[in-house]
Amino acid sequence: MTRHDEQTIAEQAIHWLLRQQEGMTREEQQAFERWLQTPAHQAEYEDLGGLWQQTAAIPAAAVAHLRLAPRRRIGWRPMVAACALLLLAAVLFFPLRNSFAPPIYSASWHTGRGEMRTVQLPDGTMLSLDAGTQLNVRYFANRREVEMPQGQVFFQVKHNPNQPFEVLSGPTRVTVVGTEFRVRYLPHTMSGEGSDVAVRSGAVRVGPRGNWENRWWRAMQHLHIPQAQRHISVLHASERSLTDAQGRLISRSTLPAESIAAWRDDRIVLDDTRLDMALAEFARYGDVSLKLNSPAVAALRISGSFDTNRVDSFANALPRVLPVKIKSIKNQSTVVATSMTLKNN
């Protein structure tokens, strides 16, 4: 598969226009002419050429802040500035021209407490919904879009470079072409206030939800502006990212593939998780009668893999891994700190 096979037609058109501005070799010119023989390619290229004519008239002072650091570039040639401006305009404005077209397919799903569901979309994409998930799916001619107001979903996306797949999860936009990944958005839980994204295979781009803001930081990333890394990033297999409530990237880490969407195998994976957050996670799947008797106990942290339906086994394991014991207080199983824990707190 060539690099062009993995790009949308719009991205290919941007590539060829930039190459034309910089000067193409004979082999590149021949490849460009072959590419242009496809009517859809020619239409895309002509539209982008018109955009180039419009942006060429913007004063240079309007993009002076895009200048790269001296250590990366020596001088600031007019052609480099023009190409940078073209790229910025193309990423920001060009893909938005069909944004208001009606969907060609739409559907919605909702899962309740302890309920899991798998659905197949018209193109063969598979969605595995965790408990407490709300999902709205819309397919357009030039993109596929999933809005997830809350919940957790494992996506197995069918490859289609001409119809990118996007997930709008809380403050975050996740863009893919073909991959397997998990998106979680459950504020006030162990995953924090933003979105939690983990990739099993392929790659996804994680950035702010707003269309204009997302494209702006994509453009900044293409121009190697350092600040872009705090707002947008590409994740590969076995990588995970967390965003805050505003959609800014706050962490990026690696994790085993088997822990991604462990709930599909009726497992809860805890990684240095607060005890109160761990119990809240169990409560998403069934009744939890276990109580915590103090903030100090709630703040204790635990790691491990547990059965979603066996909170009793989880409770029995607590005294073996944490300085706590289980007592019956007013006929209620309660986690209390040992005397040593109280002394240290």
C-alpha atoms as a PDB file:
ATOM      1  CA  MET A   1       0.000   0.000   0.000  1.00  0.00           C
ATOM      2  CA  THR A   2       1.413   3.406  -0.980  1.00  0.00           C
ATOM      3  CA  ARG A   3       1.338   6.529   1.097  1.00  0.00           C
ATOM      4  CA  HIS A   4      -1.349   7.983  -1.218  1.00  0.00           C
ATOM      5  CA  ASP A   5      -3.546   4.935  -0.646  1.00  0.00           C
ATOM      6  CA  GLU A   6      -3.719   5.909   3.052  1.00  0.00           C
ATOM      7  CA  GLN A   7      -4.664   9.546   2.371  1.00  0.00           C
ATOM      8  CA  THR A   8      -7.994  11.144   1.574  1.00  0.00           C
ATOM      9  CA  ILE A   9      -8.418  12.695  -1.863  1.00  0.00           C
ATOM     10  CA  ALA A  10      -8.234  16.144  -0.235  1.00  0.00           C
ATOM     11  CA  GLU A  11      -4.900  15.316   1.406  1.00  0.00           C
ATOM     12  CA  GLN A  12      -3.563  13.994  -1.904  1.00  0.00           C
ATOM     13  CA  ALA A  13      -4.622  17.220  -3.630  1.00  0.00           C
ATOM     14  CA  ILE A  14      -2.819  19.257  -0.964  1.00  0.00           C
ATOM     15  CA  HIS A  15       0.311  17.162  -1.493  1.00  0.00           C
ATOM     16  CA  TRP A  16       0.330  17.686  -5.263  1.00  0.00           C
ATOM     17  CA  LEU A  17      -0.330  21.420  -5.060  1.00  0.00           C
ATOM     18  CA  LEU A  18       2.517  21.839  -2.586  1.00  0.00           C
ATOM     19  CA  ARG A  19       4.805  19.782  -4.817  1.00  0.00           C
ATOM     20  CA  GLN A  20       3.827  21.904  -7.818  1.00  0.00           C
ATOM     21  CA  GLN A  21       4.678  25.083  -5.928  1.00  0.00           C
ATOM     22  CA  GLU A  22       8.059  23.671  -4.883  1.00  0.00           C
ATOM     23  CA  GLY A  23       8.867  22.135  -8.274  1.00  0.00           C
ATOM     24  CA  MET A  24       8.341  18.521  -9.332  1.00  0.00           C
ATOM     25  CA  THR A  25      10.725  16.066 -10.926  1.00  0.00           C
ATOM     26  CA  ARG A  26       9.822  14.484 -14.274  1.00  0.00           C
ATOM     27  CA  GLU A  27       8.735  11.283 -12.490  1.00  0.00           C
ATOM     28  CA  GLU A  28       6.585  13.275 -10.060  1.00  0.00           C
ATOM     29  CA  GLN A  29       5.009  15.204 -12.919  1.00  0.00           C
ATOM     30  CA  GLN A  30       4.087  11.966 -14.679  1.00  0.00           C
ATOM     31  CA  ALA A  31       2.637  10.525 -11.455  1.00  0.00           C
ATOM     32  CA  PHE A  32       0.665  13.734 -10.922  1.00  0.00           C
ATOM     33  CA  GLU A  33      -0.791  13.591 -14.434  1.00  0.00           C
ATOM     34  CA  ARG A  34      -1.869   9.983 -13.890  1.00  0.00           C
ATOM     35  CA  TRP A  35      -3.466  10.950 -10.571  1.00  0.00           C
ATOM     36  CA  LEU A  36      -5.279  13.857 -12.215  1.00  0.00           C
ATOM     37  CA  GLN A  37      -6.969  11.587 -14.781  1.00  0.00           C
ATOM     38  CA  THR A  38      -9.504  10.493 -12.149  1.00  0.00           C
ATOM     39  CA  PRO A  39     -12.449  12.989 -12.277  1.00  0.00           C
ATOM     40  CA  ALA A  40     -12.810  13.128  -8.474  1.00  0.00           C
ATOM     41  CA  HIS A  41      -9.095  13.914  -8.144  1.00  0.00           C
ATOM     42  CA  GLN A  42      -9.298  16.671 -10.737  1.00  0.00           C
ATOM     43  CA  ALA A  43     -12.325  18.270  -9.050  1.00  0.00           C
ATOM     44  CA  GLU A  44     -10.573  18.209  -5.681  1.00  0.00           C
ATOM     45  CA  TYR A  45      -7.415  19.729  -7.145  1.00  0.00           C
ATOM     46  CA  GLU A  46      -9.294  22.514  -8.940  1.00  0.00           C
ATOM     47  CA  ASP A  47     -11.184  23.433  -5.761  1.00  0.00           C
ATOM     48  CA  LEU A  48      -7.948  23.561  -3.797  1.00  0.00           C
ATOM     49  CA  GLY A  49      -6.335  25.642  -6.541  1.00  0.00           C
ATOM     50  CA  GLY A  50      -9.099  28.206  -6.121  1.00  0.00           C
ATOM     51  CA  LEU A  51      -8.480  28.288  -2.390  1.00  0.00           C
ATOM     52  CA  TRP A  52      -4.792  28.881  -3.083  1.00  0.00           C
ATOM     53  CA  GLN A  53      -5.630  31.923  -5.182  1.00  0.00           C
ATOM     54  CA  GLN A  54      -7.678  33.359  -2.303  1.00  0.00           C
ATOM     55  CA  THR A  55      -5.101  32.748   0.420  1.00  0.00           C
ATOM     56  CA  ALA A  56      -2.250  34.088  -1.701  1.00  0.00           C
ATOM     57  CA  ALA A  57      -3.706  37.562  -1.236  1.00  0.00           C
ATOM     58  CA  ILE A  58      -3.475  37.468   2.593  1.00  0.00           C
ATOM     59  CA  PRO A  59      -0.729  39.835   3.875  1.00  0.00           C
ATOM     60  CA  ALA A  60       2.467  38.171   5.094  1.00  0.00           C
ATOM     61  CA  ALA A  61       2.077  39.927   8.472  1.00  0.00           C
ATOM     62  CA  ALA A  62      -1.033  37.829   9.123  1.00  0.00           C
ATOM     63  CA  VAL A  63       1.068  34.661   9.325  1.00  0.00           C
ATOM     64  CA  ALA A  64       4.280  36.088  10.790  1.00  0.00           C
ATOM     65  CA  HIS A  65       3.653  34.170  14.044  1.00  0.00           C
ATOM     66  CA  LEU A  66       3.966  30.881  12.142  1.00  0.00           C
ATOM     67  CA  ARG A  67       7.665  31.427  11.513  1.00  0.00           C
ATOM     68  CA  LEU A  68       9.730  28.437  12.639  1.00  0.00           C
ATOM     69  CA  ALA A  69      12.518  28.746  15.187  1.00  0.00           C
ATOM     70  CA  PRO A  70      15.925  29.816  13.732  1.00  0.00           C
ATOM     71  CA  ARG A  71      17.503  26.498  14.658  1.00  0.00           C
ATOM     72  CA  ARG A  72      15.097  24.704  12.318  1.00  0.00           C
ATOM     73  CA  ARG A  73      15.216  27.121   9.396  1.00  0.00           C
ATOM     74  CA  ILE A  74      17.799  29.546   8.124  1.00  0.00           C
ATOM     75  CA  GLY A  75      15.935  32.541   6.808  1.00  0.00           C
ATOM     76  CA  TRP A  76      12.271  32.816   5.910  1.00  0.00           C
ATOM     77  CA  ARG A  77      11.869  32.507   2.171  1.00  0.00           C
ATOM     78  CA  PRO A  78       8.636  33.765   0.600  1.00  0.00           C
ATOM     79  CA  MET A  79       7.940  30.347  -0.924  1.00  0.00           C
ATOM     80  CA  VAL A  80       8.129  28.647   2.470  1.00  0.00           C
ATOM     81  CA  ALA A  81       5.718  31.219   3.892  1.00  0.00           C
ATOM     82  CA  ALA A  82       3.347  30.686   0.979  1.00  0.00           C
ATOM     83  CA  CYS A  83       3.396  26.900   1.389  1.00  0.00           C
ATOM     84  CA  ALA A  84       2.833  27.203   5.121  1.00  0.00           C
ATOM     85  CA  LEU A  85      -0.117  29.507   4.528  1.00  0.00           C
ATOM     86  CA  LEU A  86      -1.549  27.135   1.933  1.00  0.00           C
ATOM     87  CA  LEU A  87      -1.286  24.199   4.296  1.00  0.00           C
ATOM     88  CA  LEU A  88      -2.893  26.165   7.110  1.00  0.00           C
ATOM     89  CA  ALA A  89      -5.767  27.279   4.882  1.00  0.00           C
ATOM     90  CA  ALA A  90      -6.265  23.817   3.419  1.00  0.00           C
ATOM     91  CA  VAL A  91      -6.392  22.071   6.789  1.00  0.00           C
ATOM     92  CA  LEU A  92      -8.636  24.710   8.352  1.00  0.00           C
ATOM     93  CA  PHE A  93     -11.092  25.578   5.597  1.00  0.00           C
ATOM     94  CA  PHE A  94     -11.018  23.154   2.708  1.00  0.00           C
ATOM     95  CA  PRO A  95     -12.442  20.051   4.435  1.00  0.00           C
ATOM     96  CA  LEU A  96     -15.353  22.052   5.907  1.00  0.00           C
ATOM     97  CA  ARG A  97     -17.169  22.775   2.670  1.00  0.00           C
ATOM     98  CA  ASN A  98     -19.390  19.673   2.970  1.00  0.00           C
ATOM     99  CA  SER A  99     -19.879  19.893   6.741  1.00  0.00           C
ATOM    100  CA  PHE A 100     -23.538  20.872   6.539  1.00  0.00           C
ATOM    101  CA  ALA A 101     -24.783  18.117   4.239  1.00  0.00           C
ATOM    102  CA  PRO A 102     -27.500  15.849   5.724  1.00  0.00           C
ATOM    103  CA  PRO A 103     -26.445  12.366   6.892  1.00  0.00           C
ATOM    104  CA  ILE A 104     -27.004   9.369   4.641  1.00  0.00           C
ATOM    105  CA  TYR A 105     -27.356   7.072   7.683  1.00  0.00           C
ATOM    106  CA  SER A 106     -28.092   7.668  11.364  1.00  0.00           C
ATOM    107  CA  ALA A 107     -28.815   5.519  14.396  1.00  0.00           C
ATOM    108  CA  SER A 108     -28.700   5.711  18.208  1.00  0.00           C
ATOM    109  CA  TRP A 109     -28.122   3.201  21.006  1.00  0.00           C
ATOM    110  CA  HIS A 110     -28.219   3.243  24.784  1.00  0.00           C
ATOM    111  CA  THR A 111     -27.111   0.616  27.287  1.00  0.00           C
ATOM    112  CA  GLY A 112     -28.264   0.516  30.892  1.00  0.00           C
ATOM    113  CA  ARG A 113     -26.546  -0.521  34.085  1.00  0.00           C
ATOM    114  CA  GLY A 114     -24.720  -3.819  33.633  1.00  0.00           C
ATOM    115  CA  GLU A 115     -25.819  -4.055  29.988  1.00  0.00           C
ATOM    116  CA  MET A 116     -23.351  -4.616  27.149  1.00  0.00           C
ATOM    117  CA  ARG A 117     -24.159  -4.664  23.448  1.00  0.00           C
ATOM    118  CA  THR A 118     -22.428  -5.214  20.112  1.00  0.00           C
ATOM    119  CA  VAL A 119     -23.714  -3.550  16.940  1.00  0.00           C
ATOM    120  CA  GLN A 120     -22.574  -3.655  13.318  1.00  0.00           C
ATOM    121  CA  LEU A 121     -22.732  -0.531  11.156  1.00  0.00           C
ATOM    122  CA  PRO A 122     -23.589  -0.589   7.421  1.00  0.00           C
ATOM    123  CA  ASP A 123     -19.925  -0.591   6.344  1.00  0.00           C
ATOM    124  CA  GLY A 124     -19.014  -3.535   8.588  1.00  0.00           C
ATOM    125  CA  THR A 125     -17.587  -1.445  11.444  1.00  0.00           C
ATOM    126  CA  MET A 126     -18.211  -3.158  14.793  1.00  0.00           C
ATOM    127  CA  LEU A 127     -19.013  -1.294  18.026  1.00  0.00           C
ATOM    128  CA  SER A 128     -18.911  -2.967  21.455  1.00  0.00           C
ATOM    129  CA  LEU A 129     -20.822  -0.821  23.960  1.00  0.00           C
ATOM    130  CA  ASP A 130     -20.067  -1.029  27.670  1.00  0.00           C
ATOM    131  CA  ALA A 131     -22.658  -0.442  30.412  1.00  0.00           C
ATOM    132  CA  GLY A 132     -24.145   3.041  30.727  1.00  0.00           C
ATOM    133  CA  THR A 133     -23.252   4.175  27.214  1.00  0.00           C
ATOM    134  CA  GLN A 134     -25.098   6.594  24.939  1.00  0.00           C
ATOM    135  CA  LEU A 135     -24.175   6.627  21.263  1.00  0.00           C
ATOM    136  CA  ASN A 136     -25.337   8.514  18.173  1.00  0.00           C
ATOM    137  CA  VAL A 137     -23.969   7.476  14.777  1.00  0.00           C
ATOM    138  CA  ARG A 138     -24.173   9.545  11.580  1.00  0.00           C
ATOM    139  CA  TYR A 139     -22.672   8.702   8.206  1.00  0.00           C
ATOM    140  CA  PHE A 140     -22.099  11.452   5.646  1.00  0.00           C
ATOM    141  CA  ALA A 141     -20.810  11.186   2.087  1.00  0.00           C
ATOM    142  CA  ASN A 142     -17.314  12.302   3.115  1.00  0.00           C
ATOM    143  CA  ARG A 143     -17.051  11.165   6.762  1.00  0.00           C
ATOM    144  CA  ARG A 144     -18.391   8.865   9.462  1.00  0.00           C
ATOM    145  CA  GLU A 145     -19.211  10.412  12.838  1.00  0.00           C
ATOM    146  CA  VAL A 146     -20.019   8.970  16.261  1.00  0.00           C
ATOM    147  CA  GLU A 147     -21.133  11.172  19.141  1.00  0.00           C
ATOM    148  CA  MET A 148     -20.739   9.625  22.592  1.00  0.00           C
ATOM    149  CA  PRO A 149     -22.278  11.811  25.332  1.00  0.00           C
ATOM    150  CA  GLN A 150     -21.115   9.261  27.903  1.00  0.00           C
ATOM    151  CA  GLY A 151     -19.907   5.699  28.219  1.00  0.00           C
ATOM    152  CA  GLN A 152     -17.228   3.396  26.871  1.00  0.00           C
ATOM    153  CA  VAL A 153     -16.988   1.771  23.434  1.00  0.00           C
ATOM    154  CA  PHE A 154     -14.521  -0.492  21.674  1.00  0.00           C
ATOM    155  CA  PHE A 155     -14.358   0.344  17.941  1.00  0.00           C
ATOM    156  CA  GLN A 156     -13.306  -1.975  15.107  1.00  0.00           C
ATOM    157  CA  VAL A 157     -13.375   0.415  12.167  1.00  0.00           C
ATOM    158  CA  LYS A 158     -13.460  -0.677   8.537  1.00  0.00           C
ATOM    159  CA  HIS A 159     -10.784   1.023   6.455  1.00  0.00           C
ATOM    160  CA  ASN A 160     -12.055   3.737   4.101  1.00  0.00           C
ATOM    161  CA  PRO A 161      -9.554   6.556   3.350  1.00  0.00           C
ATOM    162  CA  ASN A 162     -12.223   8.597   1.560  1.00  0.00           C
ATOM    163  CA  GLN A 163     -14.604   8.514   4.541  1.00  0.00           C
ATOM    164  CA  PRO A 164     -12.668   9.170   7.779  1.00  0.00           C
ATOM    165  CA  PHE A 165     -14.170   7.929  11.044  1.00  0.00           C
ATOM    166  CA  GLU A 166     -14.493  10.399  13.927  1.00  0.00           C
ATOM    167  CA  VAL A 167     -15.606   9.956  17.530  1.00  0.00           C
ATOM    168  CA  LEU A 168     -16.802  12.999  19.484  1.00  0.00           C
ATOM    169  CA  SER A 169     -16.318  12.098  23.133  1.00  0.00           C
ATOM    170  CA  GLY A 170     -16.816  14.838  25.714  1.00  0.00           C
ATOM    171  CA  PRO A 171     -14.221  17.547  24.951  1.00  0.00           C
ATOM    172  CA  THR A 172     -12.269  15.294  22.566  1.00  0.00           C
ATOM    173  CA  ARG A 173     -12.321  14.400  18.861  1.00  0.00           C
ATOM    174  CA  VAL A 174     -10.757  11.057  17.860  1.00  0.00           C
ATOM    175  CA  THR A 175     -10.049  10.605  14.135  1.00  0.00           C
ATOM    176  CA  VAL A 176      -9.173   7.292  12.487  1.00  0.00           C
ATOM    177  CA  VAL A 177      -9.091   5.637   9.075  1.00  0.00           C
ATOM    178  CA  GLY A 178      -9.053   1.942  10.049  1.00  0.00           C
ATOM    179  CA  THR A 179      -8.090   0.553  13.454  1.00  0.00           C
ATOM    180  CA  GLU A 180      -9.214  -0.985  16.748  1.00  0.00           C
ATOM    181  CA  PHE A 181      -9.409   1.345  19.714  1.00  0.00           C
ATOM    182  CA  ARG A 182     -11.338   2.156  22.871  1.00  0.00           C
ATOM    183  CA  VAL A 183     -12.833   5.497  23.906  1.00  0.00           C
ATOM    184  CA  ARG A 184     -14.088   6.176  27.409  1.00  0.00           C
ATOM    185  CA  TYR A 185     -15.852   9.323  28.602  1.00  0.00           C
ATOM    186  CA  LEU A 186     -17.284   9.001  32.109  1.00  0.00           C
ATOM    187  CA  PRO A 187     -16.628  12.198  34.114  1.00  0.00           C
ATOM    188  CA  HIS A 188     -16.084  11.891  37.881  1.00  0.00           C
ATOM    189  CA  THR A 189     -14.770   8.334  37.525  1.00  0.00           C
ATOM    190  CA  MET A 190     -11.349   6.686  37.629  1.00  0.00           C
ATOM    191  CA  SER A 191     -10.546   7.948  34.107  1.00  0.00           C
ATOM    192  CA  GLY A 192     -10.799  11.596  35.176  1.00  0.00           C
ATOM    193  CA  GLU A 193     -12.839  14.437  33.708  1.00  0.00           C
ATOM    194  CA  GLY A 194     -11.800  14.157  30.072  1.00  0.00           C
ATOM    195  CA  SER A 195     -11.613  11.337  27.531  1.00  0.00           C
ATOM    196  CA  ASP A 196      -9.548   8.167  27.829  1.00  0.00           C
ATOM    197  CA  VAL A 197      -8.408   6.725  24.481  1.00  0.00           C
ATOM    198  CA  ALA A 198      -6.436   3.501  23.990  1.00  0.00           C
ATOM    199  CA  VAL A 199      -5.383   1.864  20.705  1.00  0.00           C
ATOM    200  CA  ARG A 200      -5.193  -1.886  20.161  1.00  0.00           C
ATOM    201  CA  SER A 201      -4.062  -1.740  16.514  1.00  0.00           C
ATOM    202  CA  GLY A 202      -3.536   0.939  13.880  1.00  0.00           C
ATOM    203  CA  ALA A 203      -3.424   4.603  14.830  1.00  0.00           C
ATOM    204  CA  VAL A 204      -5.769   7.409  15.851  1.00  0.00           C
ATOM    205  CA  ARG A 205      -5.391  11.169  16.158  1.00  0.00           C
ATOM    206  CA  VAL A 206      -6.620  12.661  19.446  1.00  0.00           C
ATOM    207  CA  GLY A 207      -7.345  16.369  19.738  1.00  0.00           C
ATOM    208  CA  PRO A 208      -9.908  18.980  20.790  1.00  0.00           C
ATOM    209  CA  ARG A 209     -13.530  18.329  19.855  1.00  0.00           C
ATOM    210  CA  GLY A 210     -14.259  21.650  18.141  1.00  0.00           C
ATOM    211  CA  ASN A 211     -13.890  21.298  14.375  1.00  0.00           C
ATOM    212  CA  TRP A 212     -12.140  24.630  13.862  1.00  0.00           C
ATOM    213  CA  GLU A 213      -9.925  24.214  16.923  1.00  0.00           C
ATOM    214  CA  ASN A 214      -9.011  20.660  15.926  1.00  0.00           C
ATOM    215  CA  ARG A 215      -8.021  21.697  12.409  1.00  0.00           C
ATOM    216  CA  TRP A 216      -6.088  24.682  13.736  1.00  0.00           C
ATOM    217  CA  TRP A 217      -3.872  22.480  15.911  1.00  0.00           C
ATOM    218  CA  ARG A 218      -3.504  19.984  13.078  1.00  0.00           C
ATOM    219  CA  ALA A 219      -2.138  22.803  10.962  1.00  0.00           C
ATOM    220  CA  MET A 220       0.182  23.886  13.784  1.00  0.00           C
ATOM    221  CA  GLN A 221       1.395  20.296  14.091  1.00  0.00           C
ATOM    222  CA  HIS A 222       2.152  20.147  10.354  1.00  0.00           C
ATOM    223  CA  LEU A 223       4.147  23.355  10.751  1.00  0.00           C
ATOM    224  CA  HIS A 224       6.098  21.874  13.707  1.00  0.00           C
ATOM    225  CA  ILE A 225       4.832  24.443  16.208  1.00  0.00           C
ATOM    226  CA  PRO A 226       5.858  22.973  19.630  1.00  0.00           C
ATOM    227  CA  GLN A 227       2.667  24.073  21.430  1.00  0.00           C
ATOM    228  CA  ALA A 228       0.626  21.743  19.206  1.00  0.00           C
ATOM    229  CA  GLN A 229       1.832  18.694  21.147  1.00  0.00           C
ATOM    230  CA  ARG A 230      -0.216  19.796  24.165  1.00  0.00           C
ATOM    231  CA  HIS A 231      -3.390  19.764  22.085  1.00  0.00           C
ATOM    232  CA  ILE A 232      -3.145  17.050  19.453  1.00  0.00           C
ATOM    233  CA  SER A 233      -1.316  13.745  19.147  1.00  0.00           C
ATOM    234  CA  VAL A 234      -1.264  10.506  17.148  1.00  0.00           C
ATOM    235  CA  LEU A 235      -1.538   7.288  19.152  1.00  0.00           C
ATOM    236  CA  HIS A 236      -0.316   3.912  17.906  1.00  0.00           C
ATOM    237  CA  ALA A 237      -0.879   0.338  19.079  1.00  0.00           C
ATOM    238  CA  SER A 238      -0.721  -0.159  22.873  1.00  0.00           C
ATOM    239  CA  GLU A 239      -0.711   3.590  23.531  1.00  0.00           C
ATOM    240  CA  ARG A 240      -3.156   5.468  25.728  1.00  0.00           C
ATOM    241  CA  SER A 241      -3.907   9.142  26.237  1.00  0.00           C
ATOM    242  CA  LEU A 242      -5.917  11.109  28.780  1.00  0.00           C
ATOM    243  CA  THR A 243      -7.383  14.569  28.265  1.00  0.00           C
ATOM    244  CA  ASP A 244      -8.710  17.040  30.797  1.00  0.00           C
ATOM    245  CA  ALA A 245     -12.196  18.556  30.866  1.00  0.00           C
ATOM    246  CA  GLN A 246     -11.120  21.141  28.276  1.00  0.00           C
ATOM    247  CA  GLY A 247      -9.742  18.517  25.879  1.00  0.00           C
ATOM    248  CA  ARG A 248      -6.042  19.243  26.501  1.00  0.00           C
ATOM    249  CA  LEU A 249      -3.718  16.226  26.494  1.00  0.00           C
ATOM    250  CA  ILE A 250      -2.494  15.623  30.041  1.00  0.00           C
ATOM    251  CA  SER A 251      -0.813  12.217  29.737  1.00  0.00           C
ATOM    252  CA  ARG A 252       0.339   9.615  27.264  1.00  0.00           C
ATOM    253  CA  SER A 253       1.436   6.105  28.233  1.00  0.00           C
ATOM    254  CA  THR A 254       1.673   2.496  27.081  1.00  0.00           C
ATOM    255  CA  LEU A 255      -0.469  -0.404  28.246  1.00  0.00           C
ATOM    256  CA  PRO A 256      -0.876  -4.108  27.449  1.00  0.00           C
ATOM    257  CA  ALA A 257      -3.247  -4.873  24.582  1.00  0.00           C
ATOM    258  CA  GLU A 258      -5.229  -7.309  26.746  1.00  0.00           C
ATOM    259  CA  SER A 259      -6.183  -4.548  29.188  1.00  0.00           C
ATOM    260  CA  ILE A 260      -7.824  -2.466  26.449  1.00  0.00           C
ATOM    261  CA  ALA A 261     -11.610  -2.921  26.728  1.00  0.00           C
ATOM    262  CA  ALA A 262     -11.198  -5.572  29.426  1.00  0.00           C
ATOM    263  CA  TRP A 263     -14.890  -5.123  30.255  1.00  0.00           C
ATOM    264  CA  ARG A 264     -15.662  -7.115  27.084  1.00  0.00           C
ATOM    265  CA  ASP A 265     -14.304 -10.107  29.041  1.00  0.00           C
ATOM    266  CA  ASP A 266     -16.166  -9.092  32.226  1.00  0.00           C
ATOM    267  CA  ARG A 267     -13.015  -7.653  33.798  1.00  0.00           C
ATOM    268  CA  ILE A 268     -12.240  -4.392  35.562  1.00  0.00           C
ATOM    269  CA  VAL A 269      -8.584  -3.382  35.349  1.00  0.00           C
ATOM    270  CA  LEU A 270      -7.431  -1.051  38.113  1.00  0.00           C
ATOM    271  CA  ASP A 271      -4.113   0.757  37.849  1.00  0.00           C
ATOM    272  CA  ASP A 272      -3.210   2.647  41.033  1.00  0.00           C
ATOM    273  CA  THR A 273      -6.898   3.575  41.330  1.00  0.00           C
ATOM    274  CA  ARG A 274      -8.486   5.249  44.356  1.00  0.00           C
ATOM    275  CA  LEU A 275     -10.622   2.807  46.313  1.00  0.00           C
ATOM    276  CA  ASP A 276     -13.764   4.938  46.065  1.00  0.00           C
ATOM    277  CA  MET A 277     -13.324   5.163  42.285  1.00  0.00           C
ATOM    278  CA  ALA A 278     -12.837   1.394  42.099  1.00  0.00           C
ATOM    279  CA  LEU A 279     -16.139   0.786  43.905  1.00  0.00           C
ATOM    280  CA  ALA A 280     -17.879   3.293  41.604  1.00  0.00           C
ATOM    281  CA  GLU A 281     -16.590   1.273  38.656  1.00  0.00           C
ATOM    282  CA  PHE A 282     -18.087  -1.936  40.061  1.00  0.00           C
ATOM    283  CA  ALA A 283     -21.364  -0.065  40.611  1.00  0.00           C
ATOM    284  CA  ARG A 284     -21.654   0.455  36.853  1.00  0.00           C
ATOM    285  CA  TYR A 285     -22.306  -3.272  36.485  1.00  0.00           C
ATOM    286  CA  GLY A 286     -24.365  -4.174  39.555  1.00  0.00           C
ATOM    287  CA  ASP A 287     -25.202  -3.509  43.185  1.00  0.00           C
ATOM    288  CA  VAL A 288     -22.316  -2.665  45.510  1.00  0.00           C
ATOM    289  CA  SER A 289     -23.174  -2.993  49.187  1.00  0.00           C
ATOM    290  CA  LEU A 290     -19.643  -2.263  50.370  1.00  0.00           C
ATOM    291  CA  LYS A 291     -19.131   1.101  52.105  1.00  0.00           C
ATOM    292  CA  LEU A 292     -16.039   3.122  53.012  1.00  0.00           C
ATOM    293  CA  ASN A 293     -15.955   4.659  56.485  1.00  0.00           C
ATOM    294  CA  SER A 294     -13.514   7.552  55.985  1.00  0.00           C
ATOM    295  CA  PRO A 295     -11.828   9.807  53.396  1.00  0.00           C
ATOM    296  CA  ALA A 296      -8.510   8.178  54.289  1.00  0.00           C
ATOM    297  CA  VAL A 297      -9.836   4.768  53.255  1.00  0.00           C
ATOM    298  CA  ALA A 298     -11.433   6.204  50.100  1.00  0.00           C
ATOM    299  CA  ALA A 299      -8.043   7.631  49.079  1.00  0.00           C
ATOM    300  CA  LEU A 300      -6.198   4.306  49.319  1.00  0.00           C
ATOM    301  CA  ARG A 301      -5.062   3.018  45.927  1.00  0.00           C
ATOM    302  CA  ILE A 302      -5.304  -0.425  44.418  1.00  0.00           C
ATOM    303  CA  SER A 303      -4.217  -2.224  41.244  1.00  0.00           C
ATOM    304  CA  GLY A 304      -5.290  -5.506  39.707  1.00  0.00           C
ATOM    305  CA  SER A 305      -7.771  -7.258  37.433  1.00  0.00           C
ATOM    306  CA  PHE A 306     -11.169  -8.247  38.851  1.00  0.00           C
ATOM    307  CA  ASP A 307     -14.446  -9.816  37.734  1.00  0.00           C
ATOM    308  CA  THR A 308     -17.080  -7.137  37.098  1.00  0.00           C
ATOM    309  CA  ASN A 309     -19.747  -9.318  38.703  1.00  0.00           C
ATOM    310  CA  ARG A 310     -17.768 -10.406  41.788  1.00  0.00           C
ATOM    311  CA  VAL A 311     -17.511  -7.382  44.035  1.00  0.00           C
ATOM    312  CA  ASP A 312     -17.538  -9.840  46.951  1.00  0.00           C
ATOM    313  CA  SER A 313     -14.247 -11.349  45.751  1.00  0.00           C
ATOM    314  CA  PHE A 314     -12.851  -7.838  45.386  1.00  0.00           C
ATOM    315  CA  ALA A 315     -13.882  -7.048  48.956  1.00  0.00           C
ATOM    316  CA  ASN A 316     -12.323 -10.253  50.288  1.00  0.00           C
ATOM    317  CA  ALA A 317      -9.031  -9.349  48.591  1.00  0.00           C
ATOM    318  CA  LEU A 318      -8.810  -5.857  50.095  1.00  0.00           C
ATOM    319  CA  PRO A 319      -7.402  -6.826  53.538  1.00  0.00           C
ATOM    320  CA  ARG A 320      -4.661  -8.799  51.790  1.00  0.00           C
ATOM    321  CA  VAL A 321      -3.397  -5.877  49.711  1.00  0.00           C
ATOM    322  CA  LEU A 322      -4.390  -2.781  51.709  1.00  0.00           C
ATOM    323  CA  PRO A 323      -4.150  -1.812  55.412  1.00  0.00           C
ATOM    324  CA  VAL A 324      -7.904  -2.266  55.932  1.00  0.00           C
ATOM    325  CA  LYS A 325     -10.384  -4.761  57.279  1.00  0.00           C
ATOM    326  CA  ILE A 326     -14.048  -5.478  56.564  1.00  0.00           C
ATOM    327  CA  LYS A 327     -16.453  -4.944  59.489  1.00  0.00           C
ATOM    328  CA  SER A 328     -20.213  -5.192  59.780  1.00  0.00           C
ATOM    329  CA  ILE A 329     -21.534  -1.825  60.976  1.00  0.00           C
ATOM    330  CA  LYS A 330     -25.314  -1.566  61.307  1.00  0.00           C
ATOM    331  CA  ASN A 331     -25.669  -4.647  59.122  1.00  0.00           C
ATOM    332  CA  GLN A 332     -23.577  -2.973  56.429  1.00  0.00           C
ATOM    333  CA  SER A 333     -20.242  -4.371  55.186  1.00  0.00           C
ATOM    334  CA  THR A 334     -17.824  -1.506  55.720  1.00  0.00           C
ATOM    335  CA  VAL A 335     -14.157  -1.044  54.839  1.00  0.00           C
ATOM    336  CA  VAL A 336     -12.336   0.475  57.811  1.00  0.00           C
ATOM    337  CA  ALA A 337      -8.694   1.368  58.286  1.00  0.00           C
ATOM    338  CA  THR A 338      -6.442  -0.651  60.536  1.00  0.00           C
ATOM    339  CA  SER A 339      -4.941   1.090  63.552  1.00  0.00           C
ATOM    340  CA  MET A 340      -1.654   1.500  61.678  1.00  0.00           C
ATOM    341  CA  THR A 341      -3.428   3.283  58.834  1.00  0.00           C
ATOM    342  CA  LEU A 342      -5.082   5.665  61.271  1.00  0.00           C
ATOM    343  CA  LYS A 343      -1.731   6.334  62.959  1.00  0.00           C
ATOM    344  CA  ASN A 344      -0.111   7.157  59.612  1.00  0.00           C
ATOM    345  CA  ASN A 345      -2.927   9.433  58.575  1.00  0.00           C
END
